[in-house]
C-alpha cells in the first residue's frame, strides 16, 4: 500500500500526463475515500481538470464530489466547488442538479472558498452564461467583500458575462466605475475597468 507522500507524488505525475487522464479517472475518484485531507484535496483538484476534458466520464461521481460541500475542512469545500466549476464548464448538464447549491459558498466563512465560488462561476459562465441572469446580485455583494483576493476576482465574473451577455452587467456599470476609480486596491480597479470594457465594447 502506497504512503500518503507516494500517492501525492503519483498524482503530481498524473497531472502532467494528460494522455493517461481518461483511463485513470476511476482511480483518482477512488482517492476521495482516502483518510488524508491532503490526498482528497489533490484528487478533487485533478478531478476538476480531468472533468473539463472528460465531463461525461464523471457523471456518476458528481454527487460524491458535491458531498464535500458539507465538509468542515475549508480546503475540501474549496476544491469541490472548483471541481464542479471545471466539470460544468465542460458540460453543464453533468453538474446541473448541484448548480444552485454553489451559491451558498458566496457567503462561506472562508475567503478561499468564496474565491473558488467565483472561479467556478467564471468557468460555468464561459459556456453557459444564460443561467446567471437572476444571480447577478450575488456577485454584486462580492465586489465589496472584506477579503482583498475575493474583491480582486469578483469583477472577473462581470467581465466573463459582459463579453457574452452584456445586458446582465449593464445594471452594475455605475458601481463598477465607482470601484474602478476609488478602490484602494490597484488590481481591483484594473479588473473593474476590464469588466466595464467587456460589457460596453462594440460587437
N, C-alpha and C. Protein backbone atom coordinates (compact mmCIF):
# COMPACT_ATOMS: atom_id res chain seq x y z
N UNK A 1 0.84 -1.20 0.00
CA UNK A 1 0.00 0.00 0.00
C UNK A 1 0.88 1.25 0.00
N UNK A 2 0.57 2.17 -0.90
CA UNK A 2 1.37 3.37 -1.03
C UNK A 2 1.15 4.32 0.14
N UNK A 3 2.21 5.03 0.51
CA UNK A 3 2.11 6.02 1.58
C UNK A 3 1.47 7.29 1.03
N UNK A 4 1.09 8.18 1.94
CA UNK A 4 0.47 9.45 1.52
C UNK A 4 1.39 10.22 0.57
N UNK A 5 2.67 10.29 0.91
CA UNK A 5 3.60 11.05 0.06
C UNK A 5 3.78 10.40 -1.30
N UNK A 6 3.75 9.07 -1.35
CA UNK A 6 3.88 8.36 -2.63
C UNK A 6 2.66 8.60 -3.51
N UNK A 7 1.48 8.56 -2.91
CA UNK A 7 0.25 8.82 -3.68
C UNK A 7 0.25 10.26 -4.18
N UNK A 8 0.65 11.18 -3.32
CA UNK A 8 0.67 12.60 -3.69
C UNK A 8 1.62 12.82 -4.87
N UNK A 9 2.76 12.17 -4.81
CA UNK A 9 3.75 12.28 -5.89
C UNK A 9 3.19 11.67 -7.18
N UNK A 10 2.50 10.56 -7.03
CA UNK A 10 1.88 9.88 -8.18
C UNK A 10 0.84 10.78 -8.85
N UNK A 11 0.05 11.47 -8.02
CA UNK A 11 -0.96 12.39 -8.55
C UNK A 11 -0.30 13.56 -9.26
N UNK A 12 0.84 13.98 -8.75
CA UNK A 12 1.58 15.05 -9.40
C UNK A 12 2.04 14.66 -10.79
N UNK A 13 2.53 13.44 -10.92
CA UNK A 13 2.97 12.92 -12.23
C UNK A 13 1.78 12.79 -13.17
N UNK A 14 0.69 12.29 -12.63
CA UNK A 14 -0.51 12.10 -13.45
C UNK A 14 -1.05 13.45 -13.95
N UNK A 15 -0.95 14.46 -13.13
CA UNK A 15 -1.40 15.80 -13.52
C UNK A 15 -0.71 16.26 -14.79
N UNK A 16 0.55 15.91 -14.93
CA UNK A 16 1.35 16.34 -16.08
C UNK A 16 1.23 15.41 -17.29
N UNK A 17 0.54 14.30 -17.12
CA UNK A 17 0.45 13.29 -18.18
C UNK A 17 -1.01 13.15 -18.65
N UNK A 18 -1.45 14.12 -19.44
CA UNK A 18 -2.86 14.17 -19.83
C UNK A 18 -3.31 12.96 -20.65
N UNK A 19 -2.36 12.30 -21.30
CA UNK A 19 -2.71 11.12 -22.10
C UNK A 19 -3.24 9.98 -21.23
N UNK A 20 -2.91 10.02 -19.95
CA UNK A 20 -3.36 8.95 -19.03
C UNK A 20 -4.59 9.34 -18.23
N UNK A 21 -5.10 10.53 -18.44
CA UNK A 21 -6.21 11.02 -17.61
C UNK A 21 -7.46 10.15 -17.71
N UNK A 22 -7.92 9.94 -18.93
CA UNK A 22 -9.21 9.27 -19.10
C UNK A 22 -9.23 7.91 -18.42
N UNK A 23 -8.19 7.12 -18.61
CA UNK A 23 -8.16 5.78 -18.03
C UNK A 23 -7.99 5.78 -16.52
N UNK A 24 -7.49 6.90 -15.98
CA UNK A 24 -7.22 6.97 -14.54
C UNK A 24 -8.30 7.69 -13.74
N UNK A 25 -9.36 8.11 -14.40
CA UNK A 25 -10.44 8.80 -13.67
C UNK A 25 -10.98 7.94 -12.52
N UNK A 26 -11.29 6.66 -12.74
CA UNK A 26 -11.81 5.85 -11.61
C UNK A 26 -10.84 5.78 -10.43
N UNK A 27 -9.55 5.70 -10.72
CA UNK A 27 -8.55 5.64 -9.65
C UNK A 27 -8.54 6.94 -8.85
N UNK A 28 -8.53 8.07 -9.54
CA UNK A 28 -8.47 9.35 -8.84
C UNK A 28 -9.75 9.57 -8.02
N UNK A 29 -10.88 9.18 -8.58
CA UNK A 29 -12.15 9.29 -7.84
C UNK A 29 -12.10 8.42 -6.58
N UNK A 30 -11.49 7.25 -6.68
CA UNK A 30 -11.40 6.35 -5.51
C UNK A 30 -10.63 6.98 -4.36
N UNK A 31 -9.74 7.92 -4.69
CA UNK A 31 -8.94 8.57 -3.64
C UNK A 31 -9.76 9.57 -2.82
N UNK A 32 -10.98 9.84 -3.25
CA UNK A 32 -11.85 10.71 -2.44
C UNK A 32 -12.25 10.02 -1.15
N UNK A 33 -12.01 8.72 -1.07
CA UNK A 33 -12.28 7.97 0.16
C UNK A 33 -11.04 7.85 1.05
N UNK A 34 -9.94 8.42 0.62
CA UNK A 34 -8.70 8.35 1.39
C UNK A 34 -8.86 9.12 2.70
N UNK A 35 -8.16 8.69 3.73
CA UNK A 35 -8.29 9.35 5.04
C UNK A 35 -7.58 10.70 5.08
N UNK A 36 -6.63 10.91 4.17
CA UNK A 36 -5.83 12.14 4.18
C UNK A 36 -6.55 13.30 3.49
N UNK A 37 -6.67 14.42 4.19
CA UNK A 37 -7.26 15.62 3.60
C UNK A 37 -6.41 16.09 2.42
N UNK A 38 -5.11 15.99 2.57
CA UNK A 38 -4.19 16.41 1.51
C UNK A 38 -4.41 15.62 0.22
N UNK A 39 -4.60 14.32 0.36
CA UNK A 39 -4.83 13.47 -0.81
C UNK A 39 -6.19 13.77 -1.43
N UNK A 40 -7.21 13.89 -0.58
CA UNK A 40 -8.55 14.18 -1.10
C UNK A 40 -8.58 15.53 -1.82
N UNK A 41 -7.87 16.51 -1.27
CA UNK A 41 -7.83 17.84 -1.89
C UNK A 41 -7.13 17.78 -3.25
N UNK A 42 -6.03 17.07 -3.31
CA UNK A 42 -5.28 16.93 -4.57
C UNK A 42 -6.13 16.18 -5.61
N UNK A 43 -6.83 15.14 -5.15
CA UNK A 43 -7.69 14.36 -6.05
C UNK A 43 -8.83 15.23 -6.59
N UNK A 44 -9.44 16.02 -5.73
CA UNK A 44 -10.53 16.89 -6.17
C UNK A 44 -10.06 17.89 -7.22
N UNK A 45 -8.86 18.42 -6.99
CA UNK A 45 -8.32 19.38 -7.96
C UNK A 45 -8.11 18.70 -9.32
N UNK A 46 -7.52 17.52 -9.30
CA UNK A 46 -7.24 16.80 -10.55
C UNK A 46 -8.53 16.36 -11.22
N UNK A 47 -9.51 15.97 -10.44
CA UNK A 47 -10.81 15.58 -10.99
C UNK A 47 -11.42 16.76 -11.75
N UNK A 48 -11.27 17.96 -11.21
CA UNK A 48 -11.77 19.14 -11.90
C UNK A 48 -11.10 19.33 -13.25
N UNK A 49 -9.79 19.15 -13.29
CA UNK A 49 -9.06 19.31 -14.55
C UNK A 49 -9.44 18.21 -15.54
N UNK A 50 -9.56 16.99 -15.05
CA UNK A 50 -9.99 15.88 -15.90
C UNK A 50 -11.42 16.11 -16.41
N UNK A 51 -12.25 16.63 -15.52
CA UNK A 51 -13.66 16.84 -15.84
C UNK A 51 -13.90 17.90 -16.89
N UNK A 52 -12.98 18.84 -17.00
CA UNK A 52 -13.10 19.85 -18.05
C UNK A 52 -13.02 19.19 -19.42
N UNK A 53 -12.17 18.17 -19.54
CA UNK A 53 -11.97 17.48 -20.81
C UNK A 53 -12.90 16.27 -20.98
N UNK A 54 -13.14 15.56 -19.87
CA UNK A 54 -13.98 14.35 -19.92
C UNK A 54 -15.16 14.46 -18.95
N UNK A 55 -16.01 15.48 -19.12
CA UNK A 55 -17.09 15.66 -18.14
C UNK A 55 -18.04 14.47 -18.02
N UNK A 56 -18.34 13.84 -19.14
CA UNK A 56 -19.31 12.74 -19.09
C UNK A 56 -18.77 11.53 -18.33
N UNK A 57 -17.45 11.40 -18.29
CA UNK A 57 -16.85 10.28 -17.56
C UNK A 57 -17.04 10.42 -16.05
N UNK A 58 -17.41 11.62 -15.61
CA UNK A 58 -17.59 11.88 -14.17
C UNK A 58 -19.06 12.02 -13.78
N UNK A 59 -19.94 11.73 -14.71
CA UNK A 59 -21.38 11.91 -14.47
C UNK A 59 -21.87 11.18 -13.22
N UNK A 60 -21.38 9.96 -13.03
CA UNK A 60 -21.82 9.16 -11.89
C UNK A 60 -21.13 9.55 -10.58
N UNK A 61 -20.14 10.41 -10.66
CA UNK A 61 -19.33 10.75 -9.48
C UNK A 61 -19.61 12.15 -8.94
N UNK A 62 -20.46 12.89 -9.63
CA UNK A 62 -20.71 14.28 -9.24
C UNK A 62 -21.32 14.39 -7.84
N UNK A 63 -22.22 13.46 -7.50
CA UNK A 63 -22.82 13.50 -6.15
C UNK A 63 -21.77 13.31 -5.07
N UNK A 64 -20.82 12.43 -5.34
CA UNK A 64 -19.75 12.20 -4.37
C UNK A 64 -18.86 13.44 -4.22
N UNK A 65 -18.56 14.06 -5.35
CA UNK A 65 -17.76 15.29 -5.31
C UNK A 65 -18.51 16.36 -4.52
N UNK A 66 -19.79 16.50 -4.80
CA UNK A 66 -20.61 17.51 -4.13
C UNK A 66 -20.80 17.22 -2.64
N UNK A 67 -20.59 15.98 -2.24
CA UNK A 67 -20.73 15.65 -0.80
C UNK A 67 -19.71 16.42 0.04
N UNK A 68 -18.61 16.85 -0.58
CA UNK A 68 -17.60 17.62 0.13
C UNK A 68 -18.04 19.06 0.39
N UNK A 69 -19.16 19.46 -0.18
CA UNK A 69 -19.73 20.77 0.13
C UNK A 69 -20.01 20.90 1.63
N UNK A 70 -20.26 19.75 2.25
CA UNK A 70 -20.61 19.75 3.68
C UNK A 70 -19.39 19.58 4.58
N UNK A 71 -18.21 19.50 4.01
CA UNK A 71 -17.01 19.23 4.80
C UNK A 71 -16.69 20.38 5.75
N UNK A 72 -16.20 20.03 6.92
CA UNK A 72 -15.75 21.04 7.87
C UNK A 72 -14.38 21.58 7.48
N UNK A 73 -13.72 20.88 6.55
CA UNK A 73 -12.42 21.32 6.04
C UNK A 73 -12.63 22.31 4.90
N UNK A 74 -12.21 23.55 5.12
CA UNK A 74 -12.41 24.58 4.09
C UNK A 74 -11.73 24.21 2.78
N UNK A 75 -10.56 23.58 2.87
CA UNK A 75 -9.82 23.21 1.66
C UNK A 75 -10.63 22.24 0.79
N UNK A 76 -11.35 21.32 1.43
CA UNK A 76 -12.14 20.36 0.66
C UNK A 76 -13.38 21.01 0.06
N UNK A 77 -13.98 21.96 0.78
CA UNK A 77 -15.11 22.70 0.21
C UNK A 77 -14.63 23.49 -1.02
N UNK A 78 -13.50 24.14 -0.83
CA UNK A 78 -12.91 24.94 -1.91
C UNK A 78 -12.65 24.10 -3.16
N UNK A 79 -12.03 22.95 -2.97
CA UNK A 79 -11.67 22.11 -4.12
C UNK A 79 -12.90 21.47 -4.77
N UNK A 80 -13.90 21.13 -3.97
CA UNK A 80 -15.12 20.54 -4.52
C UNK A 80 -15.88 21.55 -5.37
N UNK A 81 -15.95 22.79 -4.89
CA UNK A 81 -16.61 23.86 -5.65
C UNK A 81 -15.87 24.08 -6.97
N UNK A 82 -14.56 24.14 -6.88
CA UNK A 82 -13.75 24.35 -8.08
C UNK A 82 -13.94 23.19 -9.08
N UNK A 83 -13.96 21.96 -8.55
CA UNK A 83 -14.12 20.79 -9.43
C UNK A 83 -15.45 20.84 -10.19
N UNK A 84 -16.52 21.19 -9.49
CA UNK A 84 -17.81 21.27 -10.17
C UNK A 84 -17.82 22.38 -11.21
N UNK A 85 -17.09 23.45 -10.93
CA UNK A 85 -16.99 24.53 -11.92
C UNK A 85 -16.30 24.09 -13.19
N UNK A 86 -15.22 23.34 -13.04
CA UNK A 86 -14.47 22.86 -14.21
C UNK A 86 -15.29 21.84 -15.00
N UNK A 87 -15.92 20.91 -14.27
CA UNK A 87 -16.75 19.90 -14.94
C UNK A 87 -17.93 20.60 -15.63
N UNK A 88 -18.50 21.59 -14.94
CA UNK A 88 -19.64 22.33 -15.50
C UNK A 88 -19.28 23.15 -16.72
N UNK A 89 -18.04 23.58 -16.78
CA UNK A 89 -17.58 24.26 -18.00
C UNK A 89 -17.54 23.27 -19.16
N UNK A 90 -17.11 22.04 -18.86
CA UNK A 90 -17.06 21.01 -19.89
C UNK A 90 -18.45 20.60 -20.36
N UNK A 91 -19.38 20.44 -19.42
CA UNK A 91 -20.75 20.05 -19.76
C UNK A 91 -21.65 20.40 -18.57
N UNK A 92 -22.40 21.48 -18.72
CA UNK A 92 -23.22 21.96 -17.60
C UNK A 92 -24.22 20.92 -17.12
N UNK A 93 -24.76 20.14 -18.05
CA UNK A 93 -25.79 19.16 -17.67
C UNK A 93 -25.28 18.16 -16.64
N UNK A 94 -24.00 17.89 -16.66
CA UNK A 94 -23.43 16.91 -15.73
C UNK A 94 -23.54 17.39 -14.28
N UNK A 95 -23.43 18.70 -14.07
CA UNK A 95 -23.45 19.23 -12.69
C UNK A 95 -24.73 20.03 -12.38
N UNK A 96 -25.64 20.05 -13.34
CA UNK A 96 -26.83 20.90 -13.23
C UNK A 96 -27.62 20.75 -11.94
N UNK A 97 -27.73 19.53 -11.43
CA UNK A 97 -28.54 19.30 -10.22
C UNK A 97 -27.90 19.92 -8.98
N UNK A 98 -26.62 20.29 -9.06
CA UNK A 98 -25.94 20.89 -7.92
C UNK A 98 -25.66 22.38 -8.11
N UNK A 99 -26.12 22.93 -9.23
CA UNK A 99 -25.78 24.31 -9.58
C UNK A 99 -26.20 25.32 -8.50
N UNK A 100 -27.45 25.24 -8.06
CA UNK A 100 -27.93 26.25 -7.11
C UNK A 100 -27.22 26.15 -5.76
N UNK A 101 -26.73 24.96 -5.44
CA UNK A 101 -26.02 24.79 -4.15
C UNK A 101 -24.72 25.59 -4.13
N UNK A 102 -24.14 25.81 -5.29
CA UNK A 102 -22.88 26.55 -5.36
C UNK A 102 -23.01 27.95 -4.76
N UNK A 103 -24.20 28.54 -4.89
CA UNK A 103 -24.36 29.93 -4.44
C UNK A 103 -24.29 30.10 -2.93
N UNK A 104 -24.45 29.00 -2.21
CA UNK A 104 -24.27 29.06 -0.76
C UNK A 104 -22.84 29.42 -0.39
N UNK A 105 -21.91 29.17 -1.30
CA UNK A 105 -20.50 29.41 -1.00
C UNK A 105 -20.07 30.85 -1.24
N UNK A 106 -20.98 31.64 -1.78
CA UNK A 106 -20.70 33.07 -1.94
C UNK A 106 -20.55 33.74 -0.58
N UNK A 107 -21.13 33.11 0.44
CA UNK A 107 -21.06 33.67 1.80
C UNK A 107 -20.33 32.74 2.75
N UNK A 108 -19.51 31.83 2.22
CA UNK A 108 -18.75 30.92 3.08
C UNK A 108 -17.85 31.73 4.01
N UNK A 109 -17.64 31.19 5.20
CA UNK A 109 -16.81 31.91 6.18
C UNK A 109 -15.35 31.99 5.75
N UNK A 110 -14.94 31.10 4.86
CA UNK A 110 -13.55 31.06 4.42
C UNK A 110 -13.40 31.81 3.09
N UNK A 111 -12.47 32.75 3.06
CA UNK A 111 -12.29 33.58 1.86
C UNK A 111 -11.88 32.76 0.64
N UNK A 112 -11.06 31.74 0.83
CA UNK A 112 -10.63 30.92 -0.30
C UNK A 112 -11.79 30.15 -0.92
N UNK A 113 -12.77 29.80 -0.11
CA UNK A 113 -13.96 29.12 -0.64
C UNK A 113 -14.79 30.11 -1.45
N UNK A 114 -14.93 31.33 -0.95
CA UNK A 114 -15.66 32.35 -1.71
C UNK A 114 -14.95 32.63 -3.04
N UNK A 115 -13.64 32.68 -2.99
CA UNK A 115 -12.84 32.88 -4.21
C UNK A 115 -13.06 31.74 -5.19
N UNK A 116 -13.07 30.53 -4.67
CA UNK A 116 -13.28 29.35 -5.51
C UNK A 116 -14.68 29.38 -6.14
N UNK A 117 -15.65 29.88 -5.41
CA UNK A 117 -17.01 30.02 -5.94
C UNK A 117 -17.01 30.94 -7.16
N UNK A 118 -16.26 32.04 -7.08
CA UNK A 118 -16.20 32.97 -8.22
C UNK A 118 -15.53 32.28 -9.41
N UNK A 119 -14.43 31.58 -9.15
CA UNK A 119 -13.74 30.86 -10.23
C UNK A 119 -14.67 29.84 -10.89
N UNK A 120 -15.38 29.09 -10.06
CA UNK A 120 -16.30 28.08 -10.58
C UNK A 120 -17.37 28.74 -11.45
N UNK A 121 -17.86 29.87 -11.00
CA UNK A 121 -18.89 30.59 -11.74
C UNK A 121 -18.36 31.09 -13.08
N UNK A 122 -17.12 31.59 -13.08
CA UNK A 122 -16.50 32.04 -14.33
C UNK A 122 -16.39 30.88 -15.31
N UNK A 123 -16.00 29.73 -14.79
CA UNK A 123 -15.85 28.55 -15.65
C UNK A 123 -17.19 28.16 -16.27
N UNK A 124 -18.21 28.06 -15.45
CA UNK A 124 -19.53 27.64 -15.96
C UNK A 124 -20.09 28.70 -16.91
N UNK A 125 -19.94 29.97 -16.55
CA UNK A 125 -20.49 31.05 -17.36
C UNK A 125 -19.82 31.16 -18.73
N UNK A 126 -18.61 30.64 -18.86
CA UNK A 126 -17.91 30.70 -20.13
C UNK A 126 -18.71 30.04 -21.24
N UNK A 127 -19.33 28.91 -20.95
CA UNK A 127 -20.10 28.19 -21.97
C UNK A 127 -21.60 28.18 -21.72
N UNK A 128 -22.02 28.55 -20.51
CA UNK A 128 -23.46 28.52 -20.18
C UNK A 128 -23.82 29.81 -19.44
N UNK A 129 -23.75 30.96 -20.12
CA UNK A 129 -23.95 32.24 -19.42
C UNK A 129 -25.39 32.54 -19.01
N UNK A 130 -26.37 32.05 -19.77
CA UNK A 130 -27.75 32.48 -19.55
C UNK A 130 -28.28 32.18 -18.14
N UNK A 131 -27.77 31.13 -17.53
CA UNK A 131 -28.28 30.71 -16.23
C UNK A 131 -27.93 31.69 -15.11
N UNK A 132 -27.08 32.66 -15.40
CA UNK A 132 -26.64 33.59 -14.35
C UNK A 132 -27.48 34.86 -14.23
N UNK A 133 -28.43 35.03 -15.10
CA UNK A 133 -29.18 36.29 -15.13
C UNK A 133 -29.79 36.65 -13.77
N UNK A 134 -30.38 35.70 -13.11
CA UNK A 134 -31.07 36.01 -11.85
C UNK A 134 -30.15 36.01 -10.64
N UNK A 135 -28.86 35.74 -10.84
CA UNK A 135 -27.93 35.64 -9.72
C UNK A 135 -26.93 36.80 -9.65
N UNK A 136 -27.10 37.81 -10.48
CA UNK A 136 -26.09 38.87 -10.53
C UNK A 136 -25.92 39.60 -9.20
N UNK A 137 -26.99 39.68 -8.43
CA UNK A 137 -26.91 40.34 -7.13
C UNK A 137 -25.94 39.66 -6.18
N UNK A 138 -25.78 38.36 -6.34
CA UNK A 138 -24.83 37.61 -5.51
C UNK A 138 -23.41 38.10 -5.78
N UNK A 139 -23.11 38.32 -7.05
CA UNK A 139 -21.77 38.76 -7.43
C UNK A 139 -21.56 40.24 -7.08
N UNK A 140 -22.63 41.00 -7.11
CA UNK A 140 -22.53 42.41 -6.70
C UNK A 140 -22.02 42.52 -5.26
N UNK A 141 -22.55 41.69 -4.38
CA UNK A 141 -22.11 41.72 -2.98
C UNK A 141 -20.62 41.39 -2.86
N UNK A 142 -20.15 40.47 -3.69
CA UNK A 142 -18.75 40.06 -3.62
C UNK A 142 -17.79 41.16 -4.06
N UNK A 143 -18.29 42.15 -4.80
CA UNK A 143 -17.46 43.29 -5.16
C UNK A 143 -17.01 44.07 -3.92
N UNK A 144 -17.76 43.89 -2.84
CA UNK A 144 -17.47 44.62 -1.60
C UNK A 144 -17.01 43.68 -0.49
N UNK A 145 -16.49 42.53 -0.86
CA UNK A 145 -16.06 41.53 0.13
C UNK A 145 -14.96 42.11 1.04
N UNK A 146 -14.86 41.54 2.22
CA UNK A 146 -13.85 42.00 3.18
C UNK A 146 -12.45 41.53 2.82
N UNK A 147 -12.36 40.52 1.96
CA UNK A 147 -11.06 39.95 1.61
C UNK A 147 -10.57 40.49 0.27
N UNK A 148 -9.32 40.93 0.23
CA UNK A 148 -8.76 41.52 -0.99
C UNK A 148 -8.76 40.55 -2.17
N UNK A 149 -8.39 39.28 -1.92
CA UNK A 149 -8.32 38.30 -3.01
C UNK A 149 -9.70 38.12 -3.65
N UNK A 150 -10.72 38.10 -2.82
CA UNK A 150 -12.08 37.93 -3.33
C UNK A 150 -12.49 39.17 -4.13
N UNK A 151 -12.16 40.34 -3.62
CA UNK A 151 -12.53 41.58 -4.32
C UNK A 151 -11.76 41.73 -5.64
N UNK A 152 -10.56 41.18 -5.69
CA UNK A 152 -9.79 41.23 -6.93
C UNK A 152 -10.42 40.35 -8.00
N UNK A 153 -11.00 39.23 -7.57
CA UNK A 153 -11.56 38.28 -8.54
C UNK A 153 -13.01 38.59 -8.90
N UNK A 154 -13.75 39.19 -7.98
CA UNK A 154 -15.19 39.42 -8.21
C UNK A 154 -15.50 40.13 -9.52
N UNK A 155 -14.76 41.16 -9.92
CA UNK A 155 -15.09 41.81 -11.20
C UNK A 155 -14.92 40.90 -12.41
N UNK A 156 -14.13 39.83 -12.25
CA UNK A 156 -13.85 38.95 -13.39
C UNK A 156 -15.08 38.20 -13.87
N UNK A 157 -16.02 37.89 -12.97
CA UNK A 157 -17.25 37.24 -13.42
C UNK A 157 -18.09 38.24 -14.23
N UNK A 158 -18.00 39.52 -13.88
CA UNK A 158 -18.69 40.55 -14.66
C UNK A 158 -18.03 40.69 -16.03
N UNK A 159 -16.71 40.50 -16.09
CA UNK A 159 -16.01 40.55 -17.38
C UNK A 159 -16.42 39.37 -18.26
N UNK A 160 -16.42 38.17 -17.67
CA UNK A 160 -16.79 36.97 -18.43
C UNK A 160 -18.21 37.09 -18.97
N UNK A 161 -19.13 37.52 -18.11
CA UNK A 161 -20.52 37.66 -18.54
C UNK A 161 -20.71 38.88 -19.43
N UNK A 162 -19.91 39.92 -19.20
CA UNK A 162 -20.02 41.12 -20.03
C UNK A 162 -19.71 40.85 -21.49
N UNK A 163 -18.80 39.92 -21.74
CA UNK A 163 -18.45 39.54 -23.11
C UNK A 163 -19.60 38.79 -23.78
N UNK A 164 -20.32 38.01 -22.97
CA UNK A 164 -21.33 37.10 -23.52
C UNK A 164 -22.75 37.62 -23.39
N UNK A 165 -23.05 38.22 -22.26
CA UNK A 165 -24.39 38.76 -22.01
C UNK A 165 -24.24 40.14 -21.35
N UNK A 166 -23.86 41.16 -22.14
CA UNK A 166 -23.62 42.49 -21.57
C UNK A 166 -24.82 43.06 -20.82
N UNK A 167 -26.02 42.65 -21.25
CA UNK A 167 -27.22 43.16 -20.59
C UNK A 167 -27.31 42.73 -19.12
N UNK A 168 -26.64 41.64 -18.77
CA UNK A 168 -26.61 41.20 -17.37
C UNK A 168 -25.77 42.15 -16.52
N UNK A 169 -24.77 42.75 -17.14
CA UNK A 169 -23.79 43.57 -16.43
C UNK A 169 -24.18 45.05 -16.44
N UNK A 170 -24.95 45.46 -17.43
CA UNK A 170 -25.31 46.87 -17.58
C UNK A 170 -25.84 47.52 -16.29
N UNK A 171 -26.71 46.85 -15.52
CA UNK A 171 -27.21 47.49 -14.29
C UNK A 171 -26.13 47.78 -13.24
N UNK A 172 -24.95 47.19 -13.41
CA UNK A 172 -23.89 47.33 -12.40
C UNK A 172 -22.72 48.19 -12.89
N UNK A 173 -22.89 48.81 -14.06
CA UNK A 173 -21.78 49.58 -14.63
C UNK A 173 -21.39 50.77 -13.75
N UNK A 174 -22.38 51.44 -13.16
CA UNK A 174 -22.06 52.60 -12.31
C UNK A 174 -21.24 52.17 -11.09
N UNK A 175 -21.62 51.03 -10.51
CA UNK A 175 -20.87 50.53 -9.35
C UNK A 175 -19.45 50.13 -9.75
N UNK A 176 -19.35 49.44 -10.88
CA UNK A 176 -18.02 49.02 -11.35
C UNK A 176 -17.15 50.25 -11.64
N UNK A 177 -17.75 51.28 -12.19
CA UNK A 177 -17.00 52.51 -12.48
C UNK A 177 -16.53 53.17 -11.19
N UNK A 178 -17.42 53.23 -10.23
CA UNK A 178 -17.07 53.85 -8.94
C UNK A 178 -15.92 53.11 -8.27
N UNK A 179 -15.99 51.79 -8.29
CA UNK A 179 -14.93 50.98 -7.68
C UNK A 179 -13.63 51.13 -8.47
N UNK A 180 -13.75 51.18 -9.79
CA UNK A 180 -12.54 51.30 -10.64
C UNK A 180 -11.81 52.61 -10.41
N UNK A 181 -12.51 53.59 -9.91
CA UNK A 181 -11.89 54.90 -9.67
C UNK A 181 -11.44 55.10 -8.23
N UNK A 182 -12.07 54.37 -7.31
CA UNK A 182 -11.85 54.69 -5.91
C UNK A 182 -11.30 53.58 -5.02
N UNK A 183 -11.32 52.34 -5.50
CA UNK A 183 -10.84 51.27 -4.62
C UNK A 183 -9.35 51.43 -4.34
N UNK A 184 -8.99 51.10 -3.11
CA UNK A 184 -7.58 51.26 -2.71
C UNK A 184 -6.68 50.20 -3.35
N UNK A 185 -7.29 49.10 -3.83
CA UNK A 185 -6.51 48.01 -4.40
C UNK A 185 -6.40 48.19 -5.92
N UNK A 186 -5.17 48.28 -6.41
CA UNK A 186 -4.93 48.54 -7.82
C UNK A 186 -5.51 47.44 -8.72
N UNK A 187 -5.36 46.17 -8.30
CA UNK A 187 -5.86 45.06 -9.12
C UNK A 187 -7.38 45.10 -9.20
N UNK A 188 -8.02 45.43 -8.10
CA UNK A 188 -9.49 45.57 -8.11
C UNK A 188 -9.90 46.64 -9.12
N UNK A 189 -9.21 47.77 -9.11
CA UNK A 189 -9.53 48.86 -10.04
C UNK A 189 -9.36 48.41 -11.49
N UNK A 190 -8.26 47.73 -11.77
CA UNK A 190 -7.97 47.26 -13.14
C UNK A 190 -9.01 46.24 -13.60
N UNK A 191 -9.37 45.31 -12.71
CA UNK A 191 -10.34 44.28 -13.08
C UNK A 191 -11.73 44.88 -13.30
N UNK A 192 -12.07 45.89 -12.54
CA UNK A 192 -13.36 46.56 -12.75
C UNK A 192 -13.38 47.27 -14.10
N UNK A 193 -12.26 47.90 -14.46
CA UNK A 193 -12.18 48.55 -15.78
C UNK A 193 -12.30 47.52 -16.90
N UNK A 194 -11.70 46.34 -16.68
CA UNK A 194 -11.80 45.28 -17.66
C UNK A 194 -13.23 44.79 -17.85
N UNK A 195 -13.96 44.71 -16.74
CA UNK A 195 -15.36 44.28 -16.80
C UNK A 195 -16.20 45.31 -17.54
N UNK A 196 -15.95 46.58 -17.27
CA UNK A 196 -16.70 47.65 -17.97
C UNK A 196 -16.43 47.59 -19.47
N UNK A 197 -15.17 47.43 -19.81
CA UNK A 197 -14.79 47.37 -21.23
C UNK A 197 -15.46 46.19 -21.93
N UNK A 198 -15.47 45.03 -21.26
CA UNK A 198 -16.08 43.83 -21.86
C UNK A 198 -17.57 44.03 -22.12
N UNK A 199 -18.23 44.72 -21.21
CA UNK A 199 -19.68 44.87 -21.31
C UNK A 199 -20.10 46.00 -22.22
N UNK A 200 -19.18 46.91 -22.54
CA UNK A 200 -19.57 48.08 -23.31
C UNK A 200 -18.90 48.18 -24.68
N UNK A 201 -17.96 47.28 -24.97
CA UNK A 201 -17.28 47.35 -26.27
C UNK A 201 -18.25 46.99 -27.39
N UNK A 202 -18.06 47.63 -28.52
CA UNK A 202 -18.94 47.37 -29.67
C UNK A 202 -18.76 45.94 -30.16
N UNK A 203 -19.87 45.34 -30.54
CA UNK A 203 -19.81 43.95 -31.01
C UNK A 203 -19.89 43.93 -32.52
